[in-house]
Amino acid sequence: MKILIADDQPTIVEDLLDELSQLRPEAMCLGTSKPSDIIPLFKQYSFDIVFMDIDLAGKNGIQLAGKILEIKPRTNIIYITGFEKFALESYKTAASAFLLKPVSTEMLTKALDTLRFPVSDITDEQLIAFYSGKNFIGIKLTKYREESGLTPQELADELNVTVQTVYRWERGERIPDIITFMHISKVLGINVEKLIYF
């Protein structure tokens, strides 16, 4: 999760960075009090969430949010302002939330928990890794072992290996050699291809 905080008051930026580091310690959070930095930062990091002040030292935060949404339409814009009058206008950009200053921890928590476009901490790279190579084979092995009604220990006994070896295969820490693959497929009553391919 990547979060940008944009407010022309540096103390508010710092306060929000502190709060978010507690609420979402896994997130990458950056802040700026310079309106001219917002779009360049967004282009560089492609943030998932932008906390946007509406009155930004003479710049219109709603207009800046519109430019962000042109770059990445599924960005969660959360407006922060001291002026309630901006609420209606802010929703023209499909805001995820509208927070009146001072922003409390409860307000931040609710805004993050009810995002218009939910953000997963699982990256594309992690998904590719998870569904390829050793990890994918481990998932398939677990699936077919369970479908055959065998426990890890029973499969280990059939293959004449330790149960720790089976666990390592299923967790994607190790991969069986081709001869063992053939033996596994025979024990499970499936084709070797089912263990290796999608």
N, C-alpha and C. Protein backbone atom coordinates (compact mmCIF):
# COMPACT_ATOMS: atom_id res chain seq x y z
N MET A 1 0.85 -1.19 0.00
CA MET A 1 0.00 0.00 0.00
C MET A 1 0.89 1.24 0.00
N LYS A 2 0.59 2.17 -0.90
CA LYS A 2 1.35 3.41 -1.00
C LYS A 2 0.42 4.60 -0.78
N ILE A 3 0.81 5.47 0.14
CA ILE A 3 -0.04 6.59 0.56
C ILE A 3 0.71 7.91 0.41
N LEU A 4 0.03 8.90 -0.18
CA LEU A 4 0.56 10.25 -0.27
C LEU A 4 -0.30 11.19 0.57
N ILE A 5 0.35 12.05 1.34
CA ILE A 5 -0.36 13.07 2.12
C ILE A 5 0.03 14.43 1.56
N ALA A 6 -0.96 15.19 1.13
CA ALA A 6 -0.70 16.51 0.55
C ALA A 6 -1.49 17.56 1.32
N ASP A 7 -0.77 18.40 2.06
CA ASP A 7 -1.40 19.48 2.82
C ASP A 7 -0.39 20.62 2.90
N ASP A 8 -0.86 21.86 2.75
CA ASP A 8 0.08 22.97 2.75
C ASP A 8 0.60 23.33 4.13
N GLN A 9 0.11 22.63 5.16
CA GLN A 9 0.62 22.84 6.51
C GLN A 9 1.54 21.67 6.89
N PRO A 10 2.84 21.90 6.93
CA PRO A 10 3.79 20.81 7.23
C PRO A 10 3.49 20.06 8.52
N THR A 11 2.96 20.76 9.53
CA THR A 11 2.67 20.06 10.80
C THR A 11 1.57 19.03 10.61
N ILE A 12 0.58 19.33 9.75
CA ILE A 12 -0.50 18.37 9.49
C ILE A 12 0.06 17.17 8.74
N VAL A 13 0.94 17.43 7.78
CA VAL A 13 1.58 16.34 7.04
C VAL A 13 2.32 15.42 8.01
N GLU A 14 3.10 16.01 8.90
CA GLU A 14 3.87 15.22 9.87
C GLU A 14 2.96 14.43 10.81
N ASP A 15 1.89 15.08 11.28
CA ASP A 15 0.95 14.40 12.19
C ASP A 15 0.31 13.20 11.50
N LEU A 16 -0.10 13.39 10.25
CA LEU A 16 -0.74 12.28 9.52
C LEU A 16 0.25 11.17 9.23
N LEU A 17 1.47 11.53 8.90
CA LEU A 17 2.49 10.50 8.69
C LEU A 17 2.70 9.66 9.95
N ASP A 18 2.72 10.32 11.11
CA ASP A 18 2.87 9.61 12.38
C ASP A 18 1.69 8.68 12.64
N GLU A 19 0.49 9.20 12.43
CA GLU A 19 -0.73 8.40 12.66
C GLU A 19 -0.76 7.19 11.73
N LEU A 20 -0.47 7.42 10.45
CA LEU A 20 -0.54 6.33 9.47
C LEU A 20 0.54 5.28 9.70
N SER A 21 1.69 5.70 10.23
CA SER A 21 2.74 4.73 10.53
C SER A 21 2.30 3.77 11.63
N GLN A 22 1.39 4.24 12.49
CA GLN A 22 0.83 3.37 13.53
C GLN A 22 -0.31 2.50 12.99
N LEU A 23 -1.17 3.12 12.16
CA LEU A 23 -2.35 2.40 11.65
C LEU A 23 -2.01 1.42 10.55
N ARG A 24 -1.05 1.78 9.69
CA ARG A 24 -0.66 0.93 8.56
C ARG A 24 0.86 0.85 8.49
N PRO A 25 1.48 0.16 9.44
CA PRO A 25 2.95 0.13 9.50
C PRO A 25 3.59 -0.48 8.25
N GLU A 26 2.82 -1.28 7.51
CA GLU A 26 3.37 -1.91 6.32
C GLU A 26 3.35 -0.99 5.10
N ALA A 27 2.63 0.12 5.19
CA ALA A 27 2.46 1.02 4.05
C ALA A 27 3.67 1.92 3.82
N MET A 28 3.88 2.27 2.56
CA MET A 28 4.87 3.29 2.22
C MET A 28 4.15 4.62 2.22
N CYS A 29 4.52 5.53 3.10
CA CYS A 29 3.84 6.83 3.22
C CYS A 29 4.81 7.97 2.93
N LEU A 30 4.39 8.87 2.06
CA LEU A 30 5.14 10.08 1.78
C LEU A 30 4.23 11.27 1.97
N GLY A 31 4.82 12.42 2.29
CA GLY A 31 4.03 13.62 2.47
C GLY A 31 4.69 14.83 1.84
N THR A 32 3.88 15.79 1.43
CA THR A 32 4.41 17.03 0.89
C THR A 32 3.50 18.19 1.26
N SER A 33 4.11 19.34 1.46
CA SER A 33 3.33 20.56 1.68
C SER A 33 3.45 21.50 0.49
N LYS A 34 4.06 21.01 -0.58
CA LYS A 34 4.23 21.80 -1.80
C LYS A 34 3.30 21.28 -2.90
N PRO A 35 2.31 22.07 -3.31
CA PRO A 35 1.39 21.62 -4.37
C PRO A 35 2.10 21.20 -5.66
N SER A 36 3.22 21.87 -5.96
CA SER A 36 3.94 21.55 -7.20
C SER A 36 4.57 20.16 -7.18
N ASP A 37 4.71 19.57 -5.98
CA ASP A 37 5.31 18.23 -5.87
C ASP A 37 4.30 17.10 -6.07
N ILE A 38 3.02 17.39 -5.96
CA ILE A 38 2.00 16.34 -5.90
C ILE A 38 1.97 15.47 -7.15
N ILE A 39 1.80 16.08 -8.31
CA ILE A 39 1.69 15.29 -9.55
C ILE A 39 3.01 14.57 -9.87
N PRO A 40 4.17 15.23 -9.77
CA PRO A 40 5.42 14.49 -10.00
C PRO A 40 5.60 13.29 -9.07
N LEU A 41 5.26 13.47 -7.78
CA LEU A 41 5.36 12.35 -6.84
C LEU A 41 4.41 11.23 -7.23
N PHE A 42 3.20 11.62 -7.64
CA PHE A 42 2.23 10.59 -8.00
C PHE A 42 2.70 9.82 -9.23
N LYS A 43 3.23 10.52 -10.21
CA LYS A 43 3.73 9.83 -11.41
C LYS A 43 4.88 8.89 -11.07
N GLN A 44 5.67 9.28 -10.09
CA GLN A 44 6.81 8.45 -9.70
C GLN A 44 6.40 7.20 -8.92
N TYR A 45 5.42 7.34 -8.01
CA TYR A 45 5.12 6.24 -7.10
C TYR A 45 3.75 5.58 -7.32
N SER A 46 2.88 6.18 -8.12
CA SER A 46 1.56 5.62 -8.39
C SER A 46 0.85 5.19 -7.09
N PHE A 47 0.57 6.17 -6.23
CA PHE A 47 -0.01 5.91 -4.92
C PHE A 47 -1.39 5.26 -5.02
N ASP A 48 -1.72 4.45 -4.02
CA ASP A 48 -3.05 3.83 -3.93
C ASP A 48 -4.04 4.77 -3.26
N ILE A 49 -3.53 5.58 -2.32
CA ILE A 49 -4.38 6.48 -1.53
C ILE A 49 -3.71 7.85 -1.49
N VAL A 50 -4.50 8.90 -1.70
CA VAL A 50 -3.98 10.26 -1.58
C VAL A 50 -4.87 11.03 -0.60
N PHE A 51 -4.26 11.47 0.50
CA PHE A 51 -4.94 12.38 1.42
C PHE A 51 -4.68 13.79 0.89
N MET A 52 -5.73 14.44 0.42
CA MET A 52 -5.58 15.70 -0.30
C MET A 52 -6.28 16.85 0.42
N ASP A 53 -5.51 17.86 0.80
CA ASP A 53 -6.10 19.09 1.30
C ASP A 53 -6.79 19.77 0.12
N ILE A 54 -7.90 20.44 0.37
CA ILE A 54 -8.63 21.07 -0.74
C ILE A 54 -8.09 22.46 -1.04
N ASP A 55 -7.79 23.22 -0.02
CA ASP A 55 -7.24 24.57 -0.21
C ASP A 55 -5.74 24.50 0.02
N LEU A 56 -4.99 24.33 -1.08
CA LEU A 56 -3.55 24.08 -1.00
C LEU A 56 -2.76 25.32 -1.41
N ALA A 57 -2.59 26.26 -0.50
CA ALA A 57 -1.78 27.46 -0.77
C ALA A 57 -2.16 28.10 -2.10
N GLY A 58 -3.46 28.28 -2.28
CA GLY A 58 -3.92 28.92 -3.51
C GLY A 58 -4.24 27.94 -4.62
N LYS A 59 -3.84 26.68 -4.50
CA LYS A 59 -4.15 25.65 -5.49
C LYS A 59 -5.40 24.90 -5.06
N ASN A 60 -6.15 24.41 -6.04
CA ASN A 60 -7.39 23.69 -5.77
C ASN A 60 -7.10 22.19 -5.70
N GLY A 61 -7.24 21.62 -4.50
CA GLY A 61 -6.97 20.19 -4.32
C GLY A 61 -7.90 19.30 -5.11
N ILE A 62 -9.13 19.76 -5.34
CA ILE A 62 -10.09 18.96 -6.11
C ILE A 62 -9.63 18.85 -7.56
N GLN A 63 -9.12 19.96 -8.11
CA GLN A 63 -8.60 19.93 -9.47
C GLN A 63 -7.37 19.04 -9.57
N LEU A 64 -6.49 19.11 -8.56
CA LEU A 64 -5.31 18.24 -8.55
C LEU A 64 -5.72 16.77 -8.46
N ALA A 65 -6.76 16.50 -7.67
CA ALA A 65 -7.26 15.12 -7.57
C ALA A 65 -7.77 14.65 -8.93
N GLY A 66 -8.42 15.55 -9.66
CA GLY A 66 -8.91 15.20 -11.00
C GLY A 66 -7.76 14.79 -11.91
N LYS A 67 -6.64 15.49 -11.81
CA LYS A 67 -5.47 15.15 -12.63
C LYS A 67 -4.90 13.80 -12.22
N ILE A 68 -4.91 13.53 -10.90
CA ILE A 68 -4.44 12.23 -10.41
C ILE A 68 -5.31 11.11 -10.96
N LEU A 69 -6.62 11.32 -10.95
CA LEU A 69 -7.55 10.29 -11.43
C LEU A 69 -7.44 10.08 -12.93
N GLU A 70 -6.98 11.07 -13.66
CA GLU A 70 -6.72 10.88 -15.09
C GLU A 70 -5.54 9.93 -15.29
N ILE A 71 -4.57 10.02 -14.38
CA ILE A 71 -3.39 9.15 -14.45
C ILE A 71 -3.73 7.73 -13.99
N LYS A 72 -4.46 7.65 -12.87
CA LYS A 72 -4.79 6.34 -12.29
C LYS A 72 -6.21 6.42 -11.71
N PRO A 73 -7.21 6.04 -12.52
CA PRO A 73 -8.62 6.21 -12.12
C PRO A 73 -9.01 5.52 -10.82
N ARG A 74 -8.33 4.44 -10.45
CA ARG A 74 -8.72 3.71 -9.24
C ARG A 74 -7.94 4.17 -8.00
N THR A 75 -7.55 5.43 -8.00
CA THR A 75 -6.89 6.00 -6.82
C THR A 75 -7.94 6.38 -5.79
N ASN A 76 -7.68 6.08 -4.54
CA ASN A 76 -8.57 6.49 -3.45
C ASN A 76 -8.19 7.91 -3.02
N ILE A 77 -9.07 8.87 -3.31
CA ILE A 77 -8.84 10.24 -2.89
C ILE A 77 -9.59 10.47 -1.57
N ILE A 78 -8.86 10.86 -0.55
CA ILE A 78 -9.47 11.19 0.74
C ILE A 78 -9.18 12.66 1.01
N TYR A 79 -10.24 13.47 0.94
CA TYR A 79 -10.05 14.90 1.15
C TYR A 79 -9.95 15.23 2.63
N ILE A 80 -9.04 16.16 2.95
CA ILE A 80 -8.94 16.67 4.31
C ILE A 80 -9.03 18.19 4.22
N THR A 81 -9.92 18.78 4.97
CA THR A 81 -10.11 20.22 4.89
C THR A 81 -10.70 20.78 6.17
N GLY A 82 -10.54 22.05 6.35
CA GLY A 82 -11.15 22.72 7.49
C GLY A 82 -12.48 23.35 7.13
N PHE A 83 -12.92 23.16 5.86
CA PHE A 83 -14.13 23.83 5.38
C PHE A 83 -15.17 22.84 4.88
N GLU A 84 -16.26 22.76 5.62
CA GLU A 84 -17.34 21.82 5.29
C GLU A 84 -17.97 22.14 3.94
N LYS A 85 -17.90 23.38 3.50
CA LYS A 85 -18.56 23.82 2.28
C LYS A 85 -18.02 23.09 1.04
N PHE A 86 -16.81 22.50 1.14
CA PHE A 86 -16.22 21.82 0.00
C PHE A 86 -16.74 20.39 -0.18
N ALA A 87 -17.49 19.90 0.78
CA ALA A 87 -17.88 18.49 0.77
C ALA A 87 -18.60 18.08 -0.51
N LEU A 88 -19.61 18.82 -0.91
CA LEU A 88 -20.41 18.46 -2.08
C LEU A 88 -19.55 18.47 -3.34
N GLU A 89 -18.75 19.50 -3.51
CA GLU A 89 -17.89 19.60 -4.70
C GLU A 89 -16.88 18.46 -4.76
N SER A 90 -16.38 18.05 -3.60
CA SER A 90 -15.35 17.01 -3.56
C SER A 90 -15.84 15.69 -4.12
N TYR A 91 -17.12 15.41 -3.97
CA TYR A 91 -17.63 14.11 -4.43
C TYR A 91 -17.79 14.04 -5.94
N LYS A 92 -17.53 15.15 -6.63
CA LYS A 92 -17.50 15.12 -8.10
C LYS A 92 -16.34 14.26 -8.59
N THR A 93 -15.33 14.11 -7.77
CA THR A 93 -14.18 13.29 -8.14
C THR A 93 -14.26 11.91 -7.48
N ALA A 94 -15.44 11.48 -7.13
CA ALA A 94 -15.65 10.14 -6.55
C ALA A 94 -14.72 9.89 -5.37
N ALA A 95 -14.78 10.78 -4.40
CA ALA A 95 -13.90 10.67 -3.24
C ALA A 95 -14.21 9.42 -2.41
N SER A 96 -13.17 8.86 -1.81
CA SER A 96 -13.37 7.75 -0.89
C SER A 96 -13.87 8.24 0.46
N ALA A 97 -13.44 9.46 0.82
CA ALA A 97 -13.87 10.03 2.11
C ALA A 97 -13.61 11.53 2.12
N PHE A 98 -14.30 12.20 3.04
CA PHE A 98 -14.15 13.64 3.23
C PHE A 98 -13.97 13.85 4.73
N LEU A 99 -12.78 14.26 5.14
CA LEU A 99 -12.48 14.39 6.56
C LEU A 99 -12.29 15.86 6.93
N LEU A 100 -13.02 16.27 7.95
CA LEU A 100 -12.87 17.64 8.45
C LEU A 100 -11.75 17.71 9.48
N LYS A 101 -10.91 18.72 9.35
CA LYS A 101 -9.85 18.92 10.34
C LYS A 101 -10.46 19.44 11.64
N PRO A 102 -9.86 19.08 12.78
CA PRO A 102 -8.71 18.19 12.93
C PRO A 102 -9.10 16.73 12.71
N VAL A 103 -8.23 15.99 12.04
CA VAL A 103 -8.51 14.60 11.69
C VAL A 103 -8.12 13.70 12.86
N SER A 104 -9.09 12.94 13.34
CA SER A 104 -8.83 12.03 14.48
C SER A 104 -8.39 10.66 14.00
N THR A 105 -7.85 9.88 14.91
CA THR A 105 -7.46 8.50 14.60
C THR A 105 -8.67 7.68 14.16
N GLU A 106 -9.79 7.91 14.82
CA GLU A 106 -11.02 7.19 14.47
C GLU A 106 -11.45 7.51 13.05
N MET A 107 -11.36 8.79 12.66
CA MET A 107 -11.73 9.19 11.30
C MET A 107 -10.80 8.54 10.27
N LEU A 108 -9.51 8.53 10.56
CA LEU A 108 -8.54 7.91 9.65
C LEU A 108 -8.81 6.41 9.50
N THR A 109 -9.04 5.76 10.62
CA THR A 109 -9.29 4.31 10.60
C THR A 109 -10.51 3.98 9.75
N LYS A 110 -11.58 4.72 9.95
CA LYS A 110 -12.81 4.47 9.19
C LYS A 110 -12.59 4.71 7.70
N ALA A 111 -11.86 5.79 7.36
CA ALA A 111 -11.59 6.10 5.96
C ALA A 111 -10.78 4.99 5.30
N LEU A 112 -9.78 4.48 6.01
CA LEU A 112 -8.93 3.41 5.46
C LEU A 112 -9.67 2.09 5.35
N ASP A 113 -10.63 1.88 6.24
CA ASP A 113 -11.38 0.62 6.24
C ASP A 113 -12.51 0.60 5.22
N THR A 114 -12.87 1.77 4.68
CA THR A 114 -14.00 1.84 3.74
C THR A 114 -13.59 2.50 2.43
N LEU A 115 -12.45 2.12 1.90
CA LEU A 115 -11.95 2.70 0.66
C LEU A 115 -12.87 2.35 -0.52
N ARG A 116 -13.03 3.29 -1.41
CA ARG A 116 -13.82 3.05 -2.62
C ARG A 116 -13.19 1.93 -3.44
N PHE A 117 -11.86 1.95 -3.53
CA PHE A 117 -11.12 0.92 -4.24
C PHE A 117 -10.19 0.22 -3.25
N PRO A 118 -10.65 -0.88 -2.65
CA PRO A 118 -9.83 -1.57 -1.63
C PRO A 118 -8.44 -1.89 -2.16
N VAL A 119 -7.46 -1.75 -1.26
CA VAL A 119 -6.07 -1.96 -1.64
C VAL A 119 -5.56 -3.23 -0.99
N SER A 120 -4.98 -4.10 -1.81
CA SER A 120 -4.36 -5.31 -1.28
C SER A 120 -2.87 -5.07 -1.09
N ASP A 121 -2.31 -5.66 -0.04
CA ASP A 121 -0.87 -5.56 0.17
C ASP A 121 -0.12 -6.61 -0.65
N ILE A 122 -0.88 -7.45 -1.36
CA ILE A 122 -0.24 -8.46 -2.20
C ILE A 122 0.11 -7.82 -3.54
N THR A 123 1.37 -7.83 -3.91
CA THR A 123 1.81 -7.22 -5.16
C THR A 123 1.66 -8.19 -6.33
N ASP A 124 1.69 -7.66 -7.54
CA ASP A 124 1.65 -8.52 -8.73
C ASP A 124 2.82 -9.49 -8.73
N GLU A 125 3.99 -9.01 -8.28
CA GLU A 125 5.17 -9.87 -8.25
C GLU A 125 4.98 -11.04 -7.29
N GLN A 126 4.33 -10.77 -6.15
CA GLN A 126 4.07 -11.85 -5.19
C GLN A 126 3.10 -12.87 -5.77
N LEU A 127 2.08 -12.39 -6.48
CA LEU A 127 1.12 -13.31 -7.10
C LEU A 127 1.79 -14.19 -8.13
N ILE A 128 2.66 -13.58 -8.96
CA ILE A 128 3.37 -14.35 -9.98
C ILE A 128 4.24 -15.41 -9.31
N ALA A 129 4.95 -15.01 -8.26
CA ALA A 129 5.82 -15.95 -7.55
C ALA A 129 5.00 -17.08 -6.90
N PHE A 130 3.84 -16.69 -6.34
CA PHE A 130 3.01 -17.66 -5.62
C PHE A 130 2.46 -18.73 -6.57
N TYR A 131 2.07 -18.29 -7.78
CA TYR A 131 1.45 -19.22 -8.72
C TYR A 131 2.42 -19.71 -9.78
N SER A 132 3.69 -19.76 -9.48
CA SER A 132 4.66 -20.28 -10.43
C SER A 132 5.69 -21.11 -9.69
N GLY A 133 6.43 -21.91 -10.46
CA GLY A 133 7.55 -22.65 -9.90
C GLY A 133 7.19 -23.51 -8.71
N LYS A 134 8.07 -23.46 -7.71
CA LYS A 134 7.94 -24.34 -6.55
C LYS A 134 6.64 -24.12 -5.79
N ASN A 135 6.26 -22.84 -5.61
CA ASN A 135 5.06 -22.56 -4.83
C ASN A 135 3.82 -23.15 -5.49
N PHE A 136 3.72 -22.99 -6.82
CA PHE A 136 2.56 -23.49 -7.52
C PHE A 136 2.49 -25.00 -7.44
N ILE A 137 3.63 -25.66 -7.62
CA ILE A 137 3.66 -27.12 -7.53
C ILE A 137 3.27 -27.58 -6.13
N GLY A 138 3.73 -26.85 -5.11
CA GLY A 138 3.35 -27.19 -3.74
C GLY A 138 1.85 -27.09 -3.52
N ILE A 139 1.23 -26.06 -4.08
CA ILE A 139 -0.22 -25.89 -3.97
C ILE A 139 -0.94 -27.05 -4.64
N LYS A 140 -0.47 -27.43 -5.83
CA LYS A 140 -1.11 -28.54 -6.56
C LYS A 140 -0.93 -29.86 -5.79
N LEU A 141 0.26 -30.07 -5.27
CA LEU A 141 0.53 -31.30 -4.53
C LEU A 141 -0.39 -31.40 -3.33
N THR A 142 -0.53 -30.32 -2.59
CA THR A 142 -1.43 -30.31 -1.42
C THR A 142 -2.86 -30.62 -1.84
N LYS A 143 -3.29 -29.97 -2.91
CA LYS A 143 -4.67 -30.16 -3.41
C LYS A 143 -4.95 -31.63 -3.74
N TYR A 144 -4.07 -32.24 -4.54
CA TYR A 144 -4.33 -33.62 -4.97
C TYR A 144 -4.10 -34.61 -3.83
N ARG A 145 -3.17 -34.31 -2.92
CA ARG A 145 -3.00 -35.19 -1.76
C ARG A 145 -4.26 -35.21 -0.92
N GLU A 146 -4.82 -34.00 -0.66
CA GLU A 146 -6.03 -33.92 0.16
C GLU A 146 -7.21 -34.58 -0.55
N GLU A 147 -7.30 -34.41 -1.86
CA GLU A 147 -8.39 -35.04 -2.61
C GLU A 147 -8.30 -36.56 -2.57
N SER A 148 -7.07 -37.07 -2.47
CA SER A 148 -6.90 -38.52 -2.41
C SER A 148 -7.12 -39.07 -1.01
N GLY A 149 -7.29 -38.14 -0.03
CA GLY A 149 -7.56 -38.56 1.35
C GLY A 149 -6.32 -38.95 2.13
N LEU A 150 -5.15 -38.60 1.62
CA LEU A 150 -3.91 -38.95 2.32
C LEU A 150 -3.45 -37.81 3.22
N THR A 151 -2.89 -38.16 4.36
CA THR A 151 -2.25 -37.17 5.23
C THR A 151 -0.81 -36.99 4.71
N PRO A 152 -0.13 -35.90 5.11
CA PRO A 152 1.28 -35.76 4.72
C PRO A 152 2.13 -36.96 5.14
N GLN A 153 1.86 -37.50 6.33
CA GLN A 153 2.62 -38.66 6.80
C GLN A 153 2.36 -39.88 5.92
N GLU A 154 1.12 -40.10 5.53
CA GLU A 154 0.78 -41.26 4.68
C GLU A 154 1.44 -41.14 3.31
N LEU A 155 1.44 -39.92 2.76
CA LEU A 155 2.11 -39.73 1.47
C LEU A 155 3.61 -39.96 1.61
N ALA A 156 4.18 -39.47 2.70
CA ALA A 156 5.61 -39.67 2.94
C ALA A 156 5.95 -41.16 3.03
N ASP A 157 5.09 -41.92 3.72
CA ASP A 157 5.32 -43.36 3.85
C ASP A 157 5.26 -44.04 2.49
N GLU A 158 4.31 -43.64 1.65
CA GLU A 158 4.17 -44.24 0.31
C GLU A 158 5.38 -43.94 -0.56
N LEU A 159 5.98 -42.77 -0.36
CA LEU A 159 7.10 -42.34 -1.19
C LEU A 159 8.45 -42.69 -0.58
N ASN A 160 8.41 -43.21 0.64
CA ASN A 160 9.64 -43.56 1.36
C ASN A 160 10.52 -42.33 1.58
N VAL A 161 9.86 -41.22 1.99
CA VAL A 161 10.58 -39.99 2.35
C VAL A 161 10.08 -39.57 3.73
N THR A 162 10.73 -38.56 4.31
CA THR A 162 10.26 -38.08 5.61
C THR A 162 9.06 -37.15 5.42
N VAL A 163 8.26 -37.03 6.47
CA VAL A 163 7.12 -36.14 6.40
C VAL A 163 7.58 -34.68 6.26
N GLN A 164 8.76 -34.35 6.79
CA GLN A 164 9.31 -33.01 6.64
C GLN A 164 9.56 -32.68 5.16
N THR A 165 9.97 -33.70 4.40
CA THR A 165 10.19 -33.50 2.96
C THR A 165 8.88 -33.14 2.27
N VAL A 166 7.81 -33.83 2.62
CA VAL A 166 6.50 -33.54 2.04
C VAL A 166 6.08 -32.12 2.39
N TYR A 167 6.27 -31.74 3.65
CA TYR A 167 5.93 -30.38 4.06
C TYR A 167 6.73 -29.34 3.26
N ARG A 168 8.00 -29.62 3.04
CA ARG A 168 8.84 -28.68 2.29
C ARG A 168 8.34 -28.55 0.84
N TRP A 169 7.96 -29.67 0.25
CA TRP A 169 7.40 -29.61 -1.10
C TRP A 169 6.13 -28.76 -1.12
N GLU A 170 5.26 -29.01 -0.16
CA GLU A 170 3.97 -28.33 -0.16
C GLU A 170 4.09 -26.84 0.16
N ARG A 171 5.11 -26.48 0.90
CA ARG A 171 5.34 -25.05 1.21
C ARG A 171 6.14 -24.36 0.12
N GLY A 172 6.57 -25.12 -0.90
CA GLY A 172 7.34 -24.52 -1.98
C GLY A 172 8.79 -24.28 -1.65
N GLU A 173 9.28 -24.91 -0.59
CA GLU A 173 10.68 -24.74 -0.21
C GLU A 173 11.60 -25.65 -1.03
N ARG A 174 11.06 -26.77 -1.47
CA ARG A 174 11.81 -27.72 -2.30
C ARG A 174 10.90 -28.20 -3.42
N ILE A 175 11.50 -28.81 -4.43
CA ILE A 175 10.73 -29.36 -5.54
C ILE A 175 11.22 -30.79 -5.79
N PRO A 176 10.29 -31.73 -5.97
CA PRO A 176 10.72 -33.11 -6.22
C PRO A 176 11.42 -33.24 -7.58
N ASP A 177 12.30 -34.25 -7.71
CA ASP A 177 12.90 -34.51 -9.03
C ASP A 177 11.88 -35.25 -9.89
N ILE A 178 12.18 -35.43 -11.17
CA ILE A 178 11.20 -35.98 -12.10
C ILE A 178 10.80 -37.41 -11.77
N ILE A 179 11.76 -38.21 -11.28
CA ILE A 179 11.44 -39.59 -10.90
C ILE A 179 10.44 -39.58 -9.73
N THR A 180 10.69 -38.70 -8.76
CA THR A 180 9.78 -38.60 -7.61
C THR A 180 8.42 -38.08 -8.05
N PHE A 181 8.40 -37.15 -9.00
CA PHE A 181 7.13 -36.66 -9.56
C PHE A 181 6.31 -37.82 -10.11
N MET A 182 6.97 -38.71 -10.83
CA MET A 182 6.27 -39.86 -11.42
C MET A 182 5.72 -40.78 -10.33
N HIS A 183 6.50 -40.94 -9.27
CA HIS A 183 6.06 -41.77 -8.15
C HIS A 183 4.86 -41.12 -7.44
N ILE A 184 4.95 -39.80 -7.22
CA ILE A 184 3.84 -39.08 -6.58
C ILE A 184 2.58 -39.22 -7.40
N SER A 185 2.70 -39.03 -8.73
CA SER A 185 1.51 -39.09 -9.58
C SER A 185 0.87 -40.48 -9.53
N LYS A 186 1.70 -41.51 -9.44
CA LYS A 186 1.18 -42.88 -9.35
C LYS A 186 0.44 -43.09 -8.02
N VAL A 187 1.03 -42.60 -6.92
CA VAL A 187 0.41 -42.74 -5.60
C VAL A 187 -0.91 -41.98 -5.55
N LEU A 188 -0.95 -40.79 -6.14
CA LEU A 188 -2.16 -39.95 -6.09
C LEU A 188 -3.16 -40.30 -7.20
N GLY A 189 -2.72 -41.13 -8.16
CA GLY A 189 -3.63 -41.54 -9.24
C GLY A 189 -3.93 -40.44 -10.23
N ILE A 190 -2.92 -39.61 -10.52
CA ILE A 190 -3.11 -38.52 -11.47
C ILE A 190 -1.94 -38.50 -12.45
N ASN A 191 -2.09 -37.74 -13.53
CA ASN A 191 -1.00 -37.56 -14.49
C ASN A 191 0.03 -36.58 -13.92
N VAL A 192 1.28 -36.79 -14.27
CA VAL A 192 2.34 -35.89 -13.82
C VAL A 192 2.03 -34.45 -14.23
N GLU A 193 1.47 -34.28 -15.45
CA GLU A 193 1.16 -32.94 -15.97
C GLU A 193 0.26 -32.14 -15.04
N LYS A 194 -0.61 -32.85 -14.33
CA LYS A 194 -1.52 -32.15 -13.41
C LYS A 194 -0.78 -31.48 -12.26
N LEU A 195 0.37 -32.03 -11.91
CA LEU A 195 1.17 -31.45 -10.83
C LEU A 195 2.04 -30.28 -11.31
N ILE A 196 2.33 -30.28 -12.60
CA ILE A 196 3.30 -29.31 -13.11
C ILE A 196 2.66 -28.13 -13.82
N TYR A 197 1.55 -28.39 -14.54
CA TYR A 197 0.97 -27.33 -15.37
C TYR A 197 -0.33 -26.82 -14.79
N PHE A 198 -0.74 -25.61 -15.27
CA PHE A 198 -2.02 -25.00 -14.87
C PHE A 198 -3.14 -25.89 -15.37
